[in-house]
């Protein structure tokens, strides 16, 4: 078996292209494209670079956060990002005006018309026909930096026409948070809300270096299904008091593929998964994290396949640890520079084979490959992987 420390850019792009094709990448000749730019204007139509929106969340619905009673004067929602300071909202068959907003509430011009349960989608009634994006639509992010202007989403695509968020050709957008509790990319959902399906997040650069009591990953994916994250660079490096500033959080997700990404989270995990099934992490570089991949247990059962990844220099809790009773596998991957003399690089209710371990103080821990003490895969090797560079950033 030959394990390569890196592959050519062309090979990676081909693999990402195959994944997107298999998840129904839309035909861009017929899909609508919308532009967002740091110097845009949310009052424009978003149909060209010249008329680009300013907010990455523009055009998205939000969700009702708490049940609303008939006669209420405010509408509590997950976020009001992307909505104008005043305007009209559509919820189901009702259209209502609002006169102002806070981060998580709309102040209504008239009493709310009926009792409404949580999680209902709330649309801008004056944009995109009051229905948000259509399956197959592509949202193009122009180059530049969005500071504390997150990309929130919860509009679904379809199996053959996902909704895609990606850089405009030749552009390099960055989503930056200076607030420890603000995720630069967030699915507006919870473990109890209906899932959002068939979304592609591609080529995004995400950063948050703020210190604090984090509740905000770089990419917060709660309750998504049949979606792809490809070619993203996520750097979450602020000191965290709780260990929650993961590069990617997956909670109650299924059929998600994370591929071709570079993930860095100095005080938490590159990927943390709870109750997440049929999910793949492939061709990723995970480096300088508190822990590489954490699969949480207790009442949660997860099924993850991690393949052709490089996990480098996890400085506290190793490369992969699983507390879940589900199926978690690591294959064809490189695990290098795990410095802990006490915490195994690979441990828990998981297993794998065809992996290369190098400069690892403790290789396998309790439960790995079904062994009480942990054991290697039949084809695992310990050899210098021959990195072309020691700078994974």
Foldseek 3Di string as FASTA:
>chain_A
DAFFPADDPVVQVVVVVVLCQQQAQFDVVPAQEFEEECPEDLVFQRRDPVHHHNFLQALAWWWQAAKDAFFDQKTFTLFPANPDQWAWKDFPPDIFTFNGADGGMTGTPGTDHHTDGTGGTIFGCVHPVRQGGAFQYEYAYAADEDELRANEHQAAHDRNGGYEYEHDPPHAYEQEYADQARANAEYNDAQPHAAHERYEYERYEYEYAHADAHPYENHEHARYESYEYENYEFAYEHHHPPQNHENYEYELYENYEYGHYEAHYQRHEPYEYFQYENYEYEHYEYENHCEYYEYDDDPTAYAYEYESYEYYANEHAAYYEYAHLYEYEYESYEGENHPDLPHANEEYQYEYAHYEYEHTNHHYAANYVHHRGGDHHPHYYYDDSPDPDPDSD
